[in-house]
Amino acid sequence: MLRDVRGEIEKLDAPWQARRPELVRAKHDKMRESPRAFFRATAPLFFVRLREALEPGTPLRRWLEGDEKAPVSLVWCAGDVHFENFGAYRSNDGVERFGLNDFDDALVAPLEIDVLRLAASIHVAARDKGLGASDSAALVKRAVERYRAHTQDDAFDPEPKDVPSKVAKLLALASDASRADFIEKRAPLVKGKRAFVATDRYRPLQGAERTRVLDAFQRATAPIAAHESAGYFGPVDVAARTAGLGSLGCGRYAILVTGGAKGNVLLELKEAKPASLTRHGCPTRAFADEADRVVQGTVALRGERSPYLSRTVMDGVPFYLRRLSHKEQRIDLDDLDAADLGAVVEAEATALARAHSRSRKALGLEPLALELDPLEPLGEKVRREWTFLAAWLAGTVEGDWTAWCS
């Protein structure tokens, strides 16, 4: 099948191309670097390919084509699960944990959406590290089996004692990272005042844009201001922020606030774009707006609501508010050796299964059945099909990347 990959991607990026063309160009340039970068940036295209790969009439394909009555097992899906969208974070009980850390594409969807995207990303990551087909397939099998083993486990994401050494090191970095250094690097103290320094990631704001951002920030913090001391959310400085890959082109703003007794706090207002899955007509639930969807998905998958999580609208576009924390440490494939992948893959699959289990509870659904009947969603036959399908999808990613680069 000949595909117009460039045309497909340009159509998907068109809304942001019109508003921030320079960021979309930067995204497209980064996508040429490797299949791994291309995969991270093209979740909407991935789901087009998934629909193409499935036989007509199968439950997942029916759901992807808009059939709300398709017999699928629903969970809150993160929607853009991949090898590097896991990391350390600090939960409300003050413990550094390991789990999902990107919820922009969160949606109530069949559990295969997350499992297959994670499995395909494992193939892509393994090939990036020079592993062959049999080794990458073995990693995917480990992930699928670990996912199944924890599907009825809604415990919080693992603590340092429960994870492999590479993940434990990540959690230790989150624990030891200096809040003061984190702030100083981005907004140094000069002559008694902190302000953002212009870099390729931060662009200090002035004039009308600054005013619009601060007005939206005030609306976002109004519902949560009562939980902090007076003046806690007083803005010190504000900047446009460039980060990520799949979200390049979306509006992102960093706001440094006065904070409390421990000093300044850094927050982010981020545009809530439509979920990747919903751009192709698959079923979705009603939300107040896209930011409401992101907030609800984050709470359901994390199992708690972080103190700063809120939402607002700016220039008619929904944004959500979250904290930018020195406690967040993301998995970086470049920091891993090929020998590390297996243990990390198992930790990620465990975290994903637990998140799905928590989300089913939030949706009021029963735990997933675990019988080995092939008709069950986690039966042995289906798990084997997931493994094969993940390999096919990873190969399609590489083919699309080659077409994009040419």
Protein backbone atom coordinates (compact mmCIF):
# COMPACT_ATOMS: atom_id res chain seq x y z
CA MET A 1 0.00 0.00 0.00
CA LEU A 2 1.41 3.38 -1.03
CA ARG A 3 0.77 6.03 1.59
CA ASP A 4 1.12 9.79 1.52
CA VAL A 5 2.87 9.94 4.90
CA ARG A 6 3.82 13.60 4.55
CA GLY A 7 0.26 14.54 3.63
CA GLU A 8 -1.15 12.57 6.57
CA ILE A 9 1.15 14.25 9.08
CA GLU A 10 0.67 17.74 7.68
CA LYS A 11 -3.09 17.29 7.94
CA LEU A 12 -2.81 16.15 11.57
CA ASP A 13 -0.53 19.09 12.47
CA ALA A 14 -2.49 21.72 10.54
CA PRO A 15 -4.25 23.37 13.56
CA TRP A 16 -0.90 24.10 15.24
CA GLN A 17 0.94 24.88 12.00
CA ALA A 18 -1.38 27.85 11.58
CA ARG A 19 -0.59 29.24 15.06
CA ARG A 20 3.02 28.26 15.78
CA PRO A 21 4.66 27.25 12.50
CA GLU A 22 8.20 27.59 13.84
CA LEU A 23 7.56 24.99 16.56
CA VAL A 24 5.88 22.59 14.13
CA ARG A 25 8.89 22.92 11.82
CA ALA A 26 11.16 22.09 14.76
CA LYS A 27 9.03 19.05 15.51
CA HIS A 28 9.22 17.87 11.90
CA ASP A 29 13.00 18.30 11.90
CA LYS A 30 13.35 16.21 15.05
CA MET A 31 11.16 13.49 13.56
CA ARG A 32 13.84 12.88 10.91
CA GLU A 33 16.45 11.98 13.51
CA SER A 34 15.36 8.36 14.08
CA PRO A 35 12.36 5.98 14.02
CA ARG A 36 12.27 6.45 17.79
CA ALA A 37 11.78 10.22 17.48
CA PHE A 38 9.25 9.72 14.70
CA PHE A 39 7.29 7.25 16.85
CA ARG A 40 7.14 9.63 19.82
CA ALA A 41 5.85 12.48 17.65
CA THR A 42 3.15 10.64 15.71
CA ALA A 43 0.66 8.99 18.07
CA PRO A 44 -2.34 9.97 15.88
CA LEU A 45 -0.72 8.31 12.85
CA PHE A 46 0.03 5.20 14.92
CA PHE A 47 -3.67 4.69 15.59
CA VAL A 48 -4.45 5.04 11.88
CA ARG A 49 -1.98 2.22 11.24
CA LEU A 50 -3.46 0.15 14.05
CA ARG A 51 -6.91 0.39 12.49
CA GLU A 52 -5.46 -0.60 9.10
CA ALA A 53 -3.78 -3.65 10.65
CA LEU A 54 -6.93 -5.09 12.22
CA GLU A 55 -9.36 -7.38 10.43
CA PRO A 56 -12.76 -5.75 9.68
CA GLY A 57 -15.34 -6.70 12.29
CA THR A 58 -12.91 -7.38 15.14
CA PRO A 59 -13.96 -5.63 18.39
CA LEU A 60 -11.03 -3.22 18.55
CA ARG A 61 -11.39 -2.19 14.92
CA ARG A 62 -15.12 -1.70 15.38
CA TRP A 63 -14.39 0.58 18.35
CA LEU A 64 -11.77 2.52 16.39
CA GLU A 65 -14.34 3.02 13.64
CA GLY A 66 -16.83 4.54 16.10
CA ASP A 67 -18.88 1.57 17.33
CA GLU A 68 -19.68 2.34 20.98
CA LYS A 69 -21.20 -1.12 21.44
CA ALA A 70 -18.09 -3.05 20.39
CA PRO A 71 -17.31 -5.71 23.06
CA VAL A 72 -14.06 -4.24 24.38
CA SER A 73 -12.59 -3.93 27.89
CA LEU A 74 -12.55 -0.23 28.74
CA VAL A 75 -10.07 1.53 30.99
CA TRP A 76 -8.71 5.03 31.22
CA CYS A 77 -5.85 4.85 28.70
CA ALA A 78 -2.96 7.30 28.78
CA GLY A 79 -3.25 7.27 24.98
CA ASP A 80 0.40 8.01 24.16
CA VAL A 81 2.17 5.28 26.09
CA HIS A 82 5.72 4.61 24.98
CA PHE A 83 9.01 3.50 26.51
CA GLU A 84 10.07 7.04 27.49
CA ASN A 85 6.72 8.23 28.85
CA PHE A 86 7.40 6.70 32.26
CA GLY A 87 9.41 8.14 35.08
CA ALA A 88 9.73 9.14 38.70
CA TYR A 89 7.27 11.44 40.40
CA ARG A 90 6.39 12.38 43.95
CA SER A 91 2.97 11.26 45.16
CA ASN A 92 0.84 13.16 47.66
CA ASP A 93 2.10 10.96 50.50
CA GLY A 94 5.63 12.27 49.89
CA VAL A 95 7.01 9.06 48.36
CA GLU A 96 8.96 8.97 45.08
CA ARG A 97 7.24 6.46 42.79
CA PHE A 98 7.58 5.20 39.22
CA GLY A 99 4.78 5.32 36.67
CA LEU A 100 3.16 7.05 33.72
CA ASN A 101 3.99 10.73 33.38
CA ASP A 102 2.13 11.96 30.28
CA PHE A 103 -1.66 12.20 30.23
CA ASP A 104 -2.32 14.67 27.39
CA ASP A 105 -3.96 11.92 25.30
CA ALA A 106 -5.83 10.24 28.16
CA LEU A 107 -9.18 8.78 27.14
CA VAL A 108 -11.58 6.02 28.16
CA ALA A 109 -10.68 3.36 25.59
CA PRO A 110 -9.94 -0.36 25.13
CA LEU A 111 -6.93 -1.42 27.17
CA GLU A 112 -5.18 -2.65 23.98
CA ILE A 113 -4.65 0.98 22.97
CA ASP A 114 -1.99 1.44 25.65
CA VAL A 115 -0.65 -2.10 25.65
CA LEU A 116 -0.04 -2.20 21.89
CA ARG A 117 1.56 1.24 21.77
CA LEU A 118 3.88 0.33 24.64
CA ALA A 119 4.71 -3.00 23.00
CA ALA A 120 5.46 -1.37 19.63
CA SER A 121 7.64 1.24 21.36
CA ILE A 122 9.63 -1.57 23.01
CA HIS A 123 10.46 -2.93 19.55
CA VAL A 124 11.50 0.54 18.41
CA ALA A 125 13.62 1.09 21.55
CA ALA A 126 15.26 -2.33 21.26
CA ARG A 127 16.21 -1.72 17.63
CA ASP A 128 17.53 1.70 18.59
CA LYS A 129 19.87 -0.15 20.98
CA GLY A 130 20.98 -2.56 18.26
CA LEU A 131 18.98 -5.61 19.34
CA GLY A 132 17.67 -8.06 16.75
CA ALA A 133 14.12 -9.17 16.07
CA SER A 134 14.15 -12.19 18.39
CA ASP A 135 15.51 -10.18 21.33
CA SER A 136 13.01 -7.36 20.87
CA ALA A 137 10.17 -9.90 20.56
CA ALA A 138 11.29 -11.51 23.83
CA LEU A 139 11.16 -8.11 25.54
CA VAL A 140 7.62 -7.54 24.29
CA LYS A 141 6.56 -10.96 25.54
CA ARG A 142 7.98 -10.12 28.98
CA ALA A 143 6.03 -6.88 29.00
CA VAL A 144 2.74 -8.50 27.98
CA GLU A 145 3.08 -11.26 30.58
CA ARG A 146 4.00 -8.77 33.31
CA TYR A 147 1.02 -6.59 32.34
CA ARG A 148 -1.34 -9.55 32.67
CA ALA A 149 0.13 -10.53 36.05
CA HIS A 150 -0.73 -7.12 37.54
CA THR A 151 -4.06 -6.34 35.91
CA GLN A 152 -5.98 -6.84 39.15
CA ASP A 153 -3.37 -4.96 41.17
CA ASP A 154 -4.41 -1.36 41.90
CA ALA A 155 -1.57 -0.59 44.32
CA PHE A 156 0.28 2.67 43.94
CA ASP A 157 3.18 2.62 41.52
CA PRO A 158 6.37 0.95 42.77
CA GLU A 159 8.67 2.40 45.39
CA PRO A 160 12.50 2.21 45.19
CA LYS A 161 12.67 -1.16 46.97
CA ASP A 162 10.36 -2.74 44.39
CA VAL A 163 12.08 -1.70 41.14
CA PRO A 164 15.22 -2.64 39.19
CA SER A 165 18.43 -0.74 39.80
CA LYS A 166 18.11 1.65 36.85
CA VAL A 167 14.62 2.70 37.96
CA ALA A 168 15.74 2.90 41.59
CA LYS A 169 18.52 5.26 40.48
CA LEU A 170 15.91 7.42 38.75
CA LEU A 171 13.85 7.55 41.94
CA ALA A 172 16.95 8.46 43.92
CA LEU A 173 17.62 11.34 41.55
CA ALA A 174 14.06 12.53 42.08
CA SER A 175 14.52 12.31 45.83
CA ASP A 176 17.89 14.04 45.88
CA ALA A 177 17.30 16.64 43.20
CA SER A 178 17.63 20.13 44.58
CA ARG A 179 14.57 22.32 44.38
CA ALA A 180 16.74 25.42 44.69
CA ASP A 181 19.01 24.32 41.84
CA PHE A 182 15.98 23.46 39.71
CA ILE A 183 14.61 27.00 40.08
CA GLU A 184 18.00 28.70 39.83
CA LYS A 185 18.80 27.01 36.51
CA ARG A 186 15.63 28.37 34.90
CA ALA A 187 15.09 31.67 36.72
CA PRO A 188 18.29 32.81 38.46
CA LEU A 189 18.32 35.37 41.23
CA VAL A 190 19.80 38.65 39.97
CA LYS A 191 19.88 41.77 42.16
CA GLY A 192 17.32 40.31 44.51
CA LYS A 193 14.81 39.30 41.83
CA ARG A 194 14.23 36.06 39.97
CA ALA A 195 13.47 36.09 36.25
CA PHE A 196 13.52 33.58 33.42
CA VAL A 197 16.61 33.61 31.21
CA ALA A 198 15.99 33.41 27.47
CA THR A 199 17.05 29.96 26.18
CA ASP A 200 15.85 27.56 23.52
CA ARG A 201 13.38 26.27 26.10
CA TYR A 202 12.20 29.49 27.77
CA ARG A 203 11.14 32.78 26.19
CA PRO A 204 10.31 35.51 28.72
CA LEU A 205 7.00 37.24 27.96
CA GLN A 206 6.14 40.90 27.79
CA GLY A 207 3.15 43.00 26.75
CA ALA A 208 -0.21 41.62 25.73
CA GLU A 209 0.84 37.96 25.65
CA ARG A 210 2.12 38.17 29.21
CA THR A 211 -1.13 39.78 30.33
CA ARG A 212 -3.26 37.07 28.69
CA VAL A 213 -1.23 34.29 30.30
CA LEU A 214 -1.37 35.84 33.75
CA ASP A 215 -5.12 36.39 33.46
CA ALA A 216 -5.60 32.73 32.52
CA PHE A 217 -3.29 31.68 35.35
CA GLN A 218 -5.36 33.66 37.85
CA ARG A 219 -8.51 31.89 36.68
CA ALA A 220 -6.80 28.49 36.91
CA THR A 221 -5.57 29.05 40.47
CA ALA A 222 -8.80 30.58 41.80
CA PRO A 223 -10.36 27.17 42.67
CA ILE A 224 -7.22 25.94 44.45
CA ALA A 225 -5.93 29.16 46.06
CA ALA A 226 -7.76 28.47 49.32
CA HIS A 227 -5.55 25.41 49.92
CA GLU A 228 -2.38 27.53 50.10
CA SER A 229 -1.25 30.54 52.10
CA ALA A 230 -2.20 34.05 51.00
CA GLY A 231 0.01 35.23 48.15
CA TYR A 232 1.28 31.70 47.38
CA PHE A 233 0.32 31.99 43.70
CA GLY A 234 1.65 35.52 43.33
CA PRO A 235 3.42 35.59 39.91
CA VAL A 236 7.12 36.44 39.92
CA ASP A 237 7.79 35.92 36.20
CA VAL A 238 6.28 34.15 33.17
CA ALA A 239 7.76 32.64 30.01
CA ALA A 240 6.70 30.63 26.98
CA ARG A 241 8.08 27.11 27.31
CA THR A 242 9.28 24.72 24.59
CA ALA A 243 9.50 21.06 25.58
CA GLY A 244 8.54 17.56 24.51
CA LEU A 245 8.18 16.25 20.98
CA GLY A 246 4.64 15.11 20.23
CA SER A 247 3.26 18.30 21.79
CA LEU A 248 5.57 20.74 19.98
CA GLY A 249 3.36 23.46 18.56
CA CYS A 250 0.96 23.47 21.52
CA GLY A 251 0.90 26.47 23.83
CA ARG A 252 3.02 26.04 26.97
CA TYR A 253 3.79 28.67 29.58
CA ALA A 254 5.92 28.50 32.73
CA ILE A 255 4.88 30.66 35.67
CA LEU A 256 7.21 31.21 38.62
CA VAL A 257 5.23 32.02 41.76
CA THR A 258 6.12 33.25 45.22
CA GLY A 259 5.35 29.93 46.88
CA GLY A 260 5.39 29.28 50.60
CA ALA A 261 7.96 28.78 53.31
CA LYS A 262 10.16 26.58 51.11
CA GLY A 263 10.48 29.24 48.43
CA ASN A 264 9.42 29.71 44.82
CA VAL A 265 7.37 27.15 42.90
CA LEU A 266 7.35 26.61 39.13
CA LEU A 267 4.01 25.86 37.43
CA GLU A 268 3.01 25.25 33.83
CA LEU A 269 -0.07 26.14 31.80
CA LYS A 270 -0.23 23.73 28.87
CA GLU A 271 -2.65 23.64 25.97
CA ALA A 272 -4.90 20.58 26.06
CA LYS A 273 -5.01 19.40 22.45
CA PRO A 274 -7.63 16.86 21.30
CA ALA A 275 -6.68 13.30 22.22
CA SER A 276 -4.89 11.46 19.42
CA LEU A 277 -7.59 8.78 19.32
CA THR A 278 -10.50 11.19 18.95
CA ARG A 279 -9.14 12.70 15.73
CA HIS A 280 -10.34 9.65 13.81
CA GLY A 281 -13.92 9.31 14.98
CA CYS A 282 -13.63 6.69 17.72
CA PRO A 283 -16.06 6.93 20.67
CA THR A 284 -15.46 9.42 23.46
CA ARG A 285 -17.21 10.50 26.62
CA ALA A 286 -18.49 14.00 27.22
CA PHE A 287 -16.15 16.41 28.99
CA ALA A 288 -16.39 20.11 29.70
CA ASP A 289 -13.41 20.55 27.35
CA GLU A 290 -10.10 18.89 26.49
CA ALA A 291 -8.44 20.17 29.68
CA ASP A 292 -11.20 18.58 31.76
CA ARG A 293 -10.48 15.29 29.99
CA VAL A 294 -6.75 15.54 30.79
CA VAL A 295 -7.42 16.35 34.44
CA GLN A 296 -9.91 13.49 34.87
CA GLY A 297 -7.59 11.04 33.11
CA THR A 298 -4.61 12.07 35.24
CA VAL A 299 -6.53 11.58 38.47
CA ALA A 300 -7.95 8.21 37.37
CA LEU A 301 -4.60 6.79 36.22
CA ARG A 302 -2.48 8.21 39.04
CA GLY A 303 -5.06 7.38 41.68
CA GLU A 304 -4.82 10.82 43.25
CA ARG A 305 -5.19 14.49 42.38
CA SER A 306 -2.03 16.54 42.72
CA PRO A 307 -2.53 19.79 44.66
CA TYR A 308 -1.90 22.10 41.68
CA LEU A 309 -3.89 20.29 39.00
CA SER A 310 -6.48 22.68 37.56
CA ARG A 311 -7.76 24.01 34.23
CA THR A 312 -8.80 27.19 32.44
CA VAL A 313 -9.38 28.68 28.99
CA MET A 314 -7.19 31.22 27.19
CA ASP A 315 -8.18 32.81 23.89
CA GLY A 316 -10.87 30.15 23.55
CA VAL A 317 -8.33 27.31 23.92
CA PRO A 318 -8.42 24.95 26.95
CA PHE A 319 -5.30 24.77 29.13
CA TYR A 320 -4.49 22.74 32.21
CA LEU A 321 -2.26 23.73 35.12
CA ARG A 322 0.32 21.48 36.73
CA ARG A 323 3.51 21.78 38.72
CA LEU A 324 6.94 21.57 37.06
CA SER A 325 8.87 19.69 39.70
CA HIS A 326 12.45 18.72 40.33
CA LYS A 327 10.93 15.46 41.52
CA GLU A 328 10.04 14.42 37.96
CA GLN A 329 12.72 12.27 36.33
CA ARG A 330 11.79 10.70 32.99
CA ILE A 331 13.17 7.46 31.52
CA ASP A 332 15.72 8.35 28.84
CA LEU A 333 16.66 5.57 26.46
CA ASP A 334 20.04 7.22 25.85
CA ASP A 335 20.94 6.61 29.51
CA LEU A 336 20.29 2.86 29.27
CA ASP A 337 22.31 -0.04 27.94
CA ALA A 338 20.67 -2.82 25.96
CA ALA A 339 21.06 -5.09 28.99
CA ASP A 340 18.92 -2.72 31.06
CA LEU A 341 15.86 -2.88 28.83
CA GLY A 342 14.30 -6.06 30.20
CA ALA A 343 14.06 -4.92 33.80
CA VAL A 344 12.80 -1.47 32.80
CA VAL A 345 10.21 -2.99 30.45
CA GLU A 346 8.83 -5.13 33.27
CA ALA A 347 8.63 -2.13 35.61
CA GLU A 348 6.77 -0.13 32.97
CA ALA A 349 4.31 -2.93 32.23
CA THR A 350 3.62 -3.31 35.96
CA ALA A 351 3.00 0.43 36.32
CA LEU A 352 0.68 0.45 33.29
CA ALA A 353 -1.36 -2.50 34.56
CA ARG A 354 -1.75 -0.89 37.96
CA ALA A 355 -2.81 2.40 36.41
CA HIS A 356 -5.44 0.63 34.29
CA SER A 357 -6.70 -1.26 37.34
CA ARG A 358 -7.04 1.96 39.35
CA SER A 359 -8.82 3.61 36.45
CA ARG A 360 -11.39 0.82 36.16
CA LYS A 361 -12.20 1.34 39.81
CA ALA A 362 -12.59 5.07 39.13
CA LEU A 363 -14.98 4.20 36.28
CA GLY A 364 -16.98 1.88 38.53
CA LEU A 365 -16.03 -1.20 36.47
CA GLU A 366 -15.25 -4.68 37.73
CA PRO A 367 -11.65 -5.96 37.68
CA LEU A 368 -10.57 -7.58 34.42
CA ALA A 369 -11.09 -11.30 34.02
CA LEU A 370 -7.90 -13.32 34.05
CA GLU A 371 -9.07 -16.73 32.81
CA LEU A 372 -7.02 -18.27 30.04
CA ASP A 373 -10.08 -18.74 27.85
CA PRO A 374 -9.11 -17.37 24.41
CA LEU A 375 -12.35 -15.38 24.39
CA GLU A 376 -11.28 -13.40 27.43
CA PRO A 377 -9.47 -10.08 26.80
CA LEU A 378 -6.29 -11.37 28.44
CA GLY A 379 -6.41 -14.93 27.18
CA GLU A 380 -3.23 -16.61 25.96
CA LYS A 381 -4.30 -16.47 22.31
CA VAL A 382 -4.98 -12.75 22.47
CA ARG A 383 -1.70 -12.02 24.23
CA ARG A 384 0.13 -13.89 21.46
CA GLU A 385 -1.73 -11.82 18.86
CA TRP A 386 -0.69 -8.63 20.67
CA THR A 387 2.95 -9.69 20.39
CA PHE A 388 2.71 -10.27 16.64
CA LEU A 389 0.72 -7.09 16.06
CA ALA A 390 3.24 -5.00 18.00
CA ALA A 391 6.04 -6.24 15.74
CA TRP A 392 4.02 -5.36 12.62
CA LEU A 393 3.24 -1.89 13.97
CA ALA A 394 6.91 -1.25 14.78
CA GLY A 395 7.85 -2.20 11.24
CA THR A 396 5.22 0.18 9.90
CA VAL A 397 6.69 2.97 12.02
CA GLU A 398 10.09 2.41 10.39
CA GLY A 399 8.52 2.36 6.93
CA ASP A 400 6.63 5.59 7.58
CA TRP A 401 9.77 7.20 8.96
CA THR A 402 11.71 6.27 5.84
CA ALA A 403 8.96 7.77 3.66
CA TRP A 404 8.93 10.92 5.81
CA CYS A 405 12.69 11.39 5.55
CA SER A 406 12.68 10.93 1.79
